[in-house]
Amino acid sequence: MDSNHQALREALDSLDRSLSVIRAMVNEYRALHAPPPSFTIQRYIRLRRLREELLPRAEFRDPAWDILLDLRIAEMRGSAVSISSACIAAAVPASTALRHISALVKAGLVAREEDHRDGRRAFLRLTDEARNALANWEEAALKSPSVKGSEGSRSNGGRTV
């Protein structure tokens, strides 16, 4: 038993050393390939500007954006979003969310559909216009590693802001 126990201990020690080397390599890779925080912020700004270019309406604010993203996620998952659920996704008071939903419907970005099983409830869905704009935004957001600056970018000491 002692020789088996010793062999097992040696194998575990060897595995532990190998895992330590792998962890160090992973950490080194992450450190070398992680974007600097300023790059992340610049990318966010460019994506926000792209969002404004693709959906340039004045009524388009962050709660509306959150509602559109929630509807897009639900669409991808094949689920329906009730108006009350969209209000929760907006993360603002219900009255504010309802104003944004009304603006999105009026702008033709969201369609309201009555629930045929429960007349008290209605669902929201993206229109083709919103779906296409979000698809373009997603494509740009997923492109690696940068998003082209919008026309509104300005230069600051040789750096694009």
N, C-alpha and C. Protein backbone atom coordinates (compact mmCIF):
# COMPACT_ATOMS: atom_id res chain seq x y z
N MET A 1 0.81 -1.20 0.00
CA MET A 1 0.00 0.00 0.00
C MET A 1 0.85 1.26 0.00
N ASP A 2 1.95 1.26 0.73
CA ASP A 2 2.78 2.45 0.81
C ASP A 2 3.32 2.86 -0.55
N SER A 3 3.71 1.89 -1.39
CA SER A 3 4.25 2.24 -2.71
C SER A 3 3.15 2.82 -3.60
N ASN A 4 1.94 2.27 -3.51
CA ASN A 4 0.81 2.82 -4.27
C ASN A 4 0.47 4.22 -3.79
N HIS A 5 0.47 4.39 -2.48
CA HIS A 5 0.16 5.69 -1.89
C HIS A 5 1.22 6.71 -2.31
N GLN A 6 2.50 6.29 -2.27
CA GLN A 6 3.59 7.18 -2.67
C GLN A 6 3.49 7.54 -4.15
N ALA A 7 3.16 6.57 -4.99
CA ALA A 7 3.04 6.81 -6.44
C ALA A 7 1.89 7.78 -6.72
N LEU A 8 0.79 7.59 -6.01
CA LEU A 8 -0.36 8.48 -6.16
C LEU A 8 -0.01 9.89 -5.71
N ARG A 9 0.70 10.01 -4.59
CA ARG A 9 1.11 11.33 -4.09
C ARG A 9 2.03 12.02 -5.10
N GLU A 10 2.96 11.28 -5.68
CA GLU A 10 3.87 11.85 -6.67
C GLU A 10 3.11 12.29 -7.92
N ALA A 11 2.15 11.48 -8.35
CA ALA A 11 1.35 11.84 -9.52
C ALA A 11 0.55 13.11 -9.24
N LEU A 12 -0.04 13.19 -8.05
CA LEU A 12 -0.80 14.39 -7.68
C LEU A 12 0.09 15.62 -7.59
N ASP A 13 1.29 15.46 -7.02
CA ASP A 13 2.23 16.57 -6.95
C ASP A 13 2.63 17.04 -8.36
N SER A 14 2.85 16.11 -9.25
CA SER A 14 3.21 16.44 -10.63
C SER A 14 2.06 17.18 -11.32
N LEU A 15 0.86 16.69 -11.10
CA LEU A 15 -0.32 17.34 -11.66
C LEU A 15 -0.48 18.75 -11.09
N ASP A 16 -0.25 18.91 -9.81
CA ASP A 16 -0.34 20.22 -9.16
C ASP A 16 0.68 21.19 -9.76
N ARG A 17 1.91 20.71 -9.99
CA ARG A 17 2.93 21.56 -10.61
C ARG A 17 2.52 21.95 -12.03
N SER A 18 1.99 20.99 -12.77
CA SER A 18 1.54 21.27 -14.14
C SER A 18 0.42 22.30 -14.15
N LEU A 19 -0.52 22.15 -13.24
CA LEU A 19 -1.62 23.12 -13.14
C LEU A 19 -1.11 24.51 -12.77
N SER A 20 -0.11 24.57 -11.91
CA SER A 20 0.47 25.87 -11.55
C SER A 20 1.11 26.54 -12.76
N VAL A 21 1.80 25.75 -13.58
CA VAL A 21 2.41 26.29 -14.79
C VAL A 21 1.32 26.78 -15.75
N ILE A 22 0.28 26.00 -15.92
CA ILE A 22 -0.83 26.38 -16.81
C ILE A 22 -1.50 27.65 -16.31
N ARG A 23 -1.76 27.74 -15.00
CA ARG A 23 -2.36 28.95 -14.44
C ARG A 23 -1.49 30.18 -14.69
N ALA A 24 -0.19 30.03 -14.51
CA ALA A 24 0.73 31.14 -14.75
C ALA A 24 0.70 31.55 -16.22
N MET A 25 0.64 30.58 -17.13
CA MET A 25 0.59 30.89 -18.55
C MET A 25 -0.72 31.61 -18.91
N VAL A 26 -1.82 31.15 -18.33
CA VAL A 26 -3.12 31.79 -18.58
C VAL A 26 -3.10 33.23 -18.06
N ASN A 27 -2.59 33.42 -16.86
CA ASN A 27 -2.52 34.78 -16.30
C ASN A 27 -1.64 35.69 -17.14
N GLU A 28 -0.53 35.16 -17.61
CA GLU A 28 0.37 35.95 -18.46
C GLU A 28 -0.32 36.30 -19.78
N TYR A 29 -1.03 35.34 -20.36
CA TYR A 29 -1.75 35.59 -21.60
C TYR A 29 -2.80 36.68 -21.39
N ARG A 30 -3.56 36.57 -20.32
CA ARG A 30 -4.59 37.58 -20.02
C ARG A 30 -3.98 38.96 -19.85
N ALA A 31 -2.86 39.03 -19.15
CA ALA A 31 -2.21 40.32 -18.92
C ALA A 31 -1.72 40.93 -20.23
N LEU A 32 -1.22 40.09 -21.13
CA LEU A 32 -0.69 40.58 -22.39
C LEU A 32 -1.79 40.97 -23.38
N HIS A 33 -2.94 40.33 -23.29
CA HIS A 33 -3.99 40.53 -24.29
C HIS A 33 -5.19 41.31 -23.79
N ALA A 34 -5.21 41.71 -22.56
CA ALA A 34 -6.35 42.48 -22.03
C ALA A 34 -6.28 43.90 -22.57
N PRO A 35 -7.41 44.40 -23.06
CA PRO A 35 -7.39 45.78 -23.54
C PRO A 35 -7.22 46.73 -22.36
N PRO A 36 -6.54 47.84 -22.56
CA PRO A 36 -6.41 48.81 -21.48
C PRO A 36 -7.79 49.41 -21.17
N PRO A 37 -8.00 49.84 -19.94
CA PRO A 37 -9.32 50.40 -19.57
C PRO A 37 -9.74 51.54 -20.49
N SER A 38 -8.80 52.35 -20.94
CA SER A 38 -9.18 53.47 -21.82
C SER A 38 -9.73 52.95 -23.14
N PHE A 39 -9.21 51.83 -23.64
CA PHE A 39 -9.71 51.24 -24.87
C PHE A 39 -11.15 50.79 -24.69
N THR A 40 -11.43 50.17 -23.55
CA THR A 40 -12.78 49.70 -23.27
C THR A 40 -13.76 50.86 -23.24
N ILE A 41 -13.37 51.95 -22.61
CA ILE A 41 -14.24 53.13 -22.54
C ILE A 41 -14.41 53.73 -23.93
N GLN A 42 -13.33 53.84 -24.70
CA GLN A 42 -13.44 54.37 -26.06
C GLN A 42 -14.36 53.50 -26.91
N ARG A 43 -14.23 52.20 -26.77
CA ARG A 43 -15.10 51.29 -27.53
C ARG A 43 -16.55 51.50 -27.15
N TYR A 44 -16.82 51.65 -25.86
CA TYR A 44 -18.20 51.89 -25.41
C TYR A 44 -18.74 53.18 -26.04
N ILE A 45 -17.94 54.24 -26.03
CA ILE A 45 -18.37 55.52 -26.60
C ILE A 45 -18.66 55.35 -28.10
N ARG A 46 -17.79 54.66 -28.81
CA ARG A 46 -18.01 54.45 -30.24
C ARG A 46 -19.26 53.63 -30.49
N LEU A 47 -19.49 52.61 -29.67
CA LEU A 47 -20.71 51.81 -29.83
C LEU A 47 -21.95 52.64 -29.54
N ARG A 48 -21.87 53.51 -28.54
CA ARG A 48 -23.01 54.38 -28.25
C ARG A 48 -23.26 55.32 -29.42
N ARG A 49 -22.20 55.87 -30.01
CA ARG A 49 -22.36 56.75 -31.17
C ARG A 49 -22.93 55.99 -32.36
N LEU A 50 -22.49 54.77 -32.53
CA LEU A 50 -23.03 53.95 -33.60
C LEU A 50 -24.51 53.70 -33.36
N ARG A 51 -24.88 53.44 -32.13
CA ARG A 51 -26.29 53.26 -31.77
C ARG A 51 -27.08 54.50 -32.17
N GLU A 52 -26.53 55.68 -31.88
CA GLU A 52 -27.21 56.93 -32.21
C GLU A 52 -27.31 57.13 -33.72
N GLU A 53 -26.32 56.64 -34.48
CA GLU A 53 -26.38 56.73 -35.93
C GLU A 53 -27.43 55.79 -36.50
N LEU A 54 -27.51 54.58 -35.95
CA LEU A 54 -28.43 53.58 -36.46
C LEU A 54 -29.87 53.86 -36.04
N LEU A 55 -30.05 54.44 -34.87
CA LEU A 55 -31.38 54.78 -34.34
C LEU A 55 -31.35 56.22 -33.85
N PRO A 56 -31.41 57.19 -34.78
CA PRO A 56 -31.13 58.59 -34.45
C PRO A 56 -32.29 59.39 -33.85
N ARG A 57 -33.35 58.78 -33.45
CA ARG A 57 -34.51 59.54 -33.00
C ARG A 57 -34.27 60.22 -31.66
N ALA A 58 -34.88 61.37 -31.49
CA ALA A 58 -34.70 62.16 -30.27
C ALA A 58 -35.25 61.46 -29.04
N GLU A 59 -36.32 60.66 -29.20
CA GLU A 59 -36.92 60.01 -28.04
C GLU A 59 -36.13 58.80 -27.57
N PHE A 60 -35.04 58.55 -28.25
CA PHE A 60 -34.24 57.37 -27.97
C PHE A 60 -33.27 57.64 -26.82
N ARG A 61 -33.57 57.15 -25.65
CA ARG A 61 -32.74 57.34 -24.46
C ARG A 61 -32.40 55.96 -23.88
N ASP A 62 -31.62 55.93 -22.81
CA ASP A 62 -31.18 54.66 -22.25
C ASP A 62 -32.31 53.72 -21.83
N PRO A 63 -33.38 54.17 -21.18
CA PRO A 63 -34.45 53.22 -20.88
C PRO A 63 -35.03 52.58 -22.15
N ALA A 64 -35.16 53.37 -23.21
CA ALA A 64 -35.65 52.81 -24.47
C ALA A 64 -34.66 51.80 -25.03
N TRP A 65 -33.39 52.12 -24.92
CA TRP A 65 -32.34 51.19 -25.38
C TRP A 65 -32.42 49.89 -24.60
N ASP A 66 -32.57 49.97 -23.29
CA ASP A 66 -32.68 48.76 -22.47
C ASP A 66 -33.89 47.93 -22.87
N ILE A 67 -34.99 48.60 -23.18
CA ILE A 67 -36.20 47.89 -23.62
C ILE A 67 -35.93 47.18 -24.95
N LEU A 68 -35.31 47.89 -25.89
CA LEU A 68 -35.00 47.27 -27.18
C LEU A 68 -34.08 46.06 -27.02
N LEU A 69 -33.07 46.21 -26.18
CA LEU A 69 -32.15 45.07 -25.96
C LEU A 69 -32.88 43.90 -25.31
N ASP A 70 -33.76 44.20 -24.36
CA ASP A 70 -34.53 43.13 -23.71
C ASP A 70 -35.42 42.42 -24.72
N LEU A 71 -36.04 43.18 -25.61
CA LEU A 71 -36.88 42.58 -26.64
C LEU A 71 -36.03 41.74 -27.60
N ARG A 72 -34.83 42.20 -27.91
CA ARG A 72 -33.94 41.44 -28.80
C ARG A 72 -33.52 40.12 -28.16
N ILE A 73 -33.17 40.18 -26.88
CA ILE A 73 -32.79 38.95 -26.17
C ILE A 73 -33.96 37.97 -26.15
N ALA A 74 -35.15 38.48 -25.82
CA ALA A 74 -36.33 37.62 -25.77
C ALA A 74 -36.61 37.00 -27.14
N GLU A 75 -36.45 37.80 -28.19
CA GLU A 75 -36.66 37.30 -29.54
C GLU A 75 -35.68 36.18 -29.86
N MET A 76 -34.43 36.36 -29.47
CA MET A 76 -33.41 35.33 -29.72
C MET A 76 -33.73 34.05 -28.96
N ARG A 77 -34.33 34.20 -27.80
CA ARG A 77 -34.68 33.03 -26.98
C ARG A 77 -36.04 32.46 -27.34
N GLY A 78 -36.76 33.15 -28.20
CA GLY A 78 -38.08 32.67 -28.60
C GLY A 78 -39.15 32.89 -27.55
N SER A 79 -38.97 33.90 -26.72
CA SER A 79 -39.97 34.17 -25.68
C SER A 79 -40.62 35.53 -25.92
N ALA A 80 -41.77 35.70 -25.32
CA ALA A 80 -42.53 36.94 -25.45
C ALA A 80 -42.23 37.86 -24.27
N VAL A 81 -42.37 39.16 -24.49
CA VAL A 81 -42.13 40.14 -23.42
C VAL A 81 -43.41 40.93 -23.20
N SER A 82 -43.93 40.83 -22.01
CA SER A 82 -45.12 41.62 -21.67
C SER A 82 -44.70 43.06 -21.40
N ILE A 83 -45.67 43.94 -21.41
CA ILE A 83 -45.37 45.34 -21.13
C ILE A 83 -44.79 45.50 -19.73
N SER A 84 -45.34 44.80 -18.76
CA SER A 84 -44.83 44.92 -17.39
C SER A 84 -43.39 44.41 -17.30
N SER A 85 -43.06 43.36 -18.05
CA SER A 85 -41.69 42.85 -18.07
C SER A 85 -40.75 43.87 -18.72
N ALA A 86 -41.21 44.52 -19.77
CA ALA A 86 -40.39 45.55 -20.43
C ALA A 86 -40.15 46.72 -19.49
N CYS A 87 -41.14 47.06 -18.68
CA CYS A 87 -40.97 48.14 -17.70
C CYS A 87 -39.88 47.78 -16.70
N ILE A 88 -39.86 46.55 -16.27
CA ILE A 88 -38.83 46.09 -15.33
C ILE A 88 -37.46 46.15 -16.00
N ALA A 89 -37.38 45.74 -17.26
CA ALA A 89 -36.10 45.75 -17.99
C ALA A 89 -35.55 47.16 -18.13
N ALA A 90 -36.43 48.15 -18.19
CA ALA A 90 -35.99 49.54 -18.35
C ALA A 90 -35.32 50.08 -17.10
N ALA A 91 -35.57 49.46 -15.97
CA ALA A 91 -34.94 49.84 -14.70
C ALA A 91 -35.21 51.30 -14.32
N VAL A 92 -36.42 51.74 -14.61
CA VAL A 92 -36.86 53.09 -14.24
C VAL A 92 -38.29 52.95 -13.69
N PRO A 93 -38.82 54.00 -13.10
CA PRO A 93 -40.22 53.91 -12.65
C PRO A 93 -41.14 53.50 -13.80
N ALA A 94 -42.21 52.80 -13.46
CA ALA A 94 -43.13 52.28 -14.48
C ALA A 94 -43.66 53.38 -15.38
N SER A 95 -43.98 54.54 -14.83
CA SER A 95 -44.52 55.62 -15.66
C SER A 95 -43.50 56.08 -16.69
N THR A 96 -42.23 56.12 -16.30
CA THR A 96 -41.16 56.51 -17.23
C THR A 96 -41.01 55.44 -18.31
N ALA A 97 -41.01 54.19 -17.90
CA ALA A 97 -40.88 53.09 -18.86
C ALA A 97 -42.04 53.10 -19.85
N LEU A 98 -43.25 53.34 -19.36
CA LEU A 98 -44.42 53.37 -20.24
C LEU A 98 -44.32 54.51 -21.26
N ARG A 99 -43.78 55.65 -20.85
CA ARG A 99 -43.57 56.75 -21.79
C ARG A 99 -42.59 56.34 -22.89
N HIS A 100 -41.52 55.66 -22.49
CA HIS A 100 -40.53 55.21 -23.48
C HIS A 100 -41.13 54.15 -24.40
N ILE A 101 -41.92 53.25 -23.85
CA ILE A 101 -42.58 52.23 -24.68
C ILE A 101 -43.50 52.90 -25.69
N SER A 102 -44.28 53.88 -25.24
CA SER A 102 -45.17 54.61 -26.15
C SER A 102 -44.38 55.29 -27.26
N ALA A 103 -43.25 55.90 -26.90
CA ALA A 103 -42.41 56.57 -27.90
C ALA A 103 -41.85 55.56 -28.90
N LEU A 104 -41.43 54.39 -28.42
CA LEU A 104 -40.89 53.36 -29.31
C LEU A 104 -41.97 52.84 -30.26
N VAL A 105 -43.19 52.67 -29.75
CA VAL A 105 -44.30 52.23 -30.59
C VAL A 105 -44.60 53.31 -31.63
N LYS A 106 -44.69 54.56 -31.19
CA LYS A 106 -44.98 55.67 -32.09
C LYS A 106 -43.91 55.82 -33.16
N ALA A 107 -42.65 55.56 -32.79
CA ALA A 107 -41.54 55.66 -33.73
C ALA A 107 -41.47 54.47 -34.69
N GLY A 108 -42.28 53.47 -34.46
CA GLY A 108 -42.28 52.31 -35.35
C GLY A 108 -41.18 51.31 -35.07
N LEU A 109 -40.58 51.37 -33.87
CA LEU A 109 -39.52 50.44 -33.52
C LEU A 109 -40.04 49.22 -32.76
N VAL A 110 -41.17 49.40 -32.10
CA VAL A 110 -41.76 48.32 -31.29
C VAL A 110 -43.24 48.22 -31.66
N ALA A 111 -43.72 47.00 -31.74
CA ALA A 111 -45.14 46.76 -32.00
C ALA A 111 -45.78 46.16 -30.75
N ARG A 112 -46.99 46.57 -30.49
CA ARG A 112 -47.76 46.08 -29.34
C ARG A 112 -48.77 45.08 -29.85
N GLU A 113 -48.82 43.92 -29.20
CA GLU A 113 -49.76 42.86 -29.60
C GLU A 113 -50.53 42.41 -28.37
N GLU A 114 -51.85 42.38 -28.51
CA GLU A 114 -52.70 41.97 -27.39
C GLU A 114 -52.54 40.46 -27.15
N ASP A 115 -52.63 40.07 -25.89
CA ASP A 115 -52.59 38.66 -25.51
C ASP A 115 -54.00 38.11 -25.71
N HIS A 116 -54.14 37.17 -26.63
CA HIS A 116 -55.47 36.63 -26.95
C HIS A 116 -56.02 35.76 -25.83
N ARG A 117 -55.16 35.24 -24.97
CA ARG A 117 -55.61 34.41 -23.85
C ARG A 117 -55.99 35.24 -22.63
N ASP A 118 -55.36 36.39 -22.49
CA ASP A 118 -55.62 37.26 -21.34
C ASP A 118 -55.74 38.69 -21.85
N GLY A 119 -56.95 39.17 -21.96
CA GLY A 119 -57.22 40.49 -22.52
C GLY A 119 -56.62 41.64 -21.73
N ARG A 120 -56.19 41.37 -20.50
CA ARG A 120 -55.60 42.42 -19.67
C ARG A 120 -54.12 42.64 -19.97
N ARG A 121 -53.54 41.75 -20.74
CA ARG A 121 -52.09 41.79 -20.96
C ARG A 121 -51.79 42.01 -22.44
N ALA A 122 -50.66 42.69 -22.69
CA ALA A 122 -50.19 42.88 -24.07
C ALA A 122 -48.69 42.57 -24.11
N PHE A 123 -48.26 42.16 -25.27
CA PHE A 123 -46.85 41.85 -25.48
C PHE A 123 -46.23 42.88 -26.42
N LEU A 124 -44.93 43.01 -26.34
CA LEU A 124 -44.18 43.89 -27.23
C LEU A 124 -43.25 43.05 -28.08
N ARG A 125 -43.02 43.50 -29.29
CA ARG A 125 -42.06 42.84 -30.16
C ARG A 125 -41.36 43.90 -30.99
N LEU A 126 -40.16 43.58 -31.46
CA LEU A 126 -39.41 44.48 -32.33
C LEU A 126 -40.04 44.52 -33.72
N THR A 127 -40.00 45.68 -34.33
CA THR A 127 -40.38 45.78 -35.74
C THR A 127 -39.16 45.42 -36.58
N ASP A 128 -39.38 45.25 -37.86
CA ASP A 128 -38.26 44.94 -38.76
C ASP A 128 -37.20 46.04 -38.72
N GLU A 129 -37.65 47.30 -38.66
CA GLU A 129 -36.70 48.42 -38.62
C GLU A 129 -35.78 48.32 -37.40
N ALA A 130 -36.36 48.08 -36.23
CA ALA A 130 -35.56 47.96 -35.01
C ALA A 130 -34.67 46.72 -35.06
N ARG A 131 -35.22 45.64 -35.54
CA ARG A 131 -34.45 44.38 -35.62
C ARG A 131 -33.22 44.57 -36.51
N ASN A 132 -33.40 45.23 -37.66
CA ASN A 132 -32.28 45.46 -38.57
C ASN A 132 -31.24 46.38 -37.95
N ALA A 133 -31.70 47.45 -37.30
CA ALA A 133 -30.76 48.38 -36.66
C ALA A 133 -29.99 47.68 -35.55
N LEU A 134 -30.67 46.88 -34.74
CA LEU A 134 -29.99 46.15 -33.66
C LEU A 134 -29.01 45.12 -34.23
N ALA A 135 -29.39 44.47 -35.31
CA ALA A 135 -28.49 43.49 -35.93
C ALA A 135 -27.21 44.18 -36.41
N ASN A 136 -27.35 45.37 -37.00
CA ASN A 136 -26.18 46.12 -37.44
C ASN A 136 -25.31 46.53 -36.26
N TRP A 137 -25.96 46.95 -35.17
CA TRP A 137 -25.22 47.34 -33.97
C TRP A 137 -24.50 46.13 -33.38
N GLU A 138 -25.19 44.99 -33.30
CA GLU A 138 -24.58 43.77 -32.76
C GLU A 138 -23.37 43.37 -33.60
N GLU A 139 -23.52 43.44 -34.90
CA GLU A 139 -22.40 43.07 -35.78
C GLU A 139 -21.19 43.95 -35.51
N ALA A 140 -21.42 45.25 -35.39
CA ALA A 140 -20.32 46.16 -35.10
C ALA A 140 -19.75 45.93 -33.71
N ALA A 141 -20.61 45.64 -32.75
CA ALA A 141 -20.16 45.43 -31.38
C ALA A 141 -19.32 44.17 -31.26
N LEU A 142 -19.62 43.17 -32.07
CA LEU A 142 -18.89 41.91 -31.99
C LEU A 142 -17.62 41.89 -32.82
N LYS A 143 -17.47 42.87 -33.71
CA LYS A 143 -16.24 42.92 -34.49
C LYS A 143 -15.07 43.15 -33.56
N SER A 144 -13.97 42.55 -33.89
CA SER A 144 -12.82 42.61 -33.00
C SER A 144 -11.72 43.41 -33.66
N PRO A 145 -10.94 44.14 -32.92
CA PRO A 145 -11.15 44.54 -31.54
C PRO A 145 -11.74 45.94 -31.42
N SER A 146 -11.87 46.66 -32.54
CA SER A 146 -12.34 48.03 -32.41
C SER A 146 -13.53 48.29 -33.31
N VAL A 147 -14.19 49.37 -33.00
CA VAL A 147 -15.31 49.82 -33.80
C VAL A 147 -14.89 51.13 -34.43
N LYS A 148 -15.10 51.27 -35.72
CA LYS A 148 -14.71 52.51 -36.38
C LYS A 148 -15.43 53.67 -35.73
N GLY A 149 -14.69 54.75 -35.55
CA GLY A 149 -15.28 55.95 -34.95
C GLY A 149 -16.32 56.54 -35.87
N SER A 150 -17.27 57.24 -35.28
CA SER A 150 -18.30 57.90 -36.08
C SER A 150 -17.77 59.22 -36.57
N GLU A 151 -18.56 59.86 -37.39
CA GLU A 151 -18.16 61.15 -37.93
C GLU A 151 -17.94 62.15 -36.80
N GLY A 152 -18.58 61.91 -35.65
CA GLY A 152 -18.49 62.84 -34.53
C GLY A 152 -17.20 62.70 -33.73
N SER A 153 -16.33 61.77 -34.09
CA SER A 153 -15.08 61.61 -33.36
C SER A 153 -14.23 62.86 -33.54
N ARG A 154 -13.49 63.21 -32.52
CA ARG A 154 -12.61 64.37 -32.63
C ARG A 154 -11.22 63.96 -32.21
N SER A 155 -10.24 64.68 -32.66
CA SER A 155 -8.86 64.38 -32.34
C SER A 155 -8.45 65.19 -31.13
N ASN A 156 -7.63 64.58 -30.26
CA ASN A 156 -7.17 65.24 -29.05
C ASN A 156 -5.72 64.83 -28.86
N GLY A 157 -4.80 65.67 -29.29
CA GLY A 157 -3.39 65.37 -29.09
C GLY A 157 -2.93 64.13 -29.83
N GLY A 158 -3.46 63.92 -31.02
CA GLY A 158 -3.05 62.74 -31.79
C GLY A 158 -3.85 61.51 -31.47
N ARG A 159 -4.74 61.59 -30.49
CA ARG A 159 -5.57 60.43 -30.15
C ARG A 159 -6.99 60.70 -30.62
N THR A 160 -7.64 59.66 -31.08
CA THR A 160 -9.05 59.81 -31.45
C THR A 160 -9.87 59.66 -30.20
N VAL A 161 -10.77 60.59 -29.99
CA VAL A 161 -11.64 60.57 -28.80
C VAL A 161 -13.04 60.28 -29.24
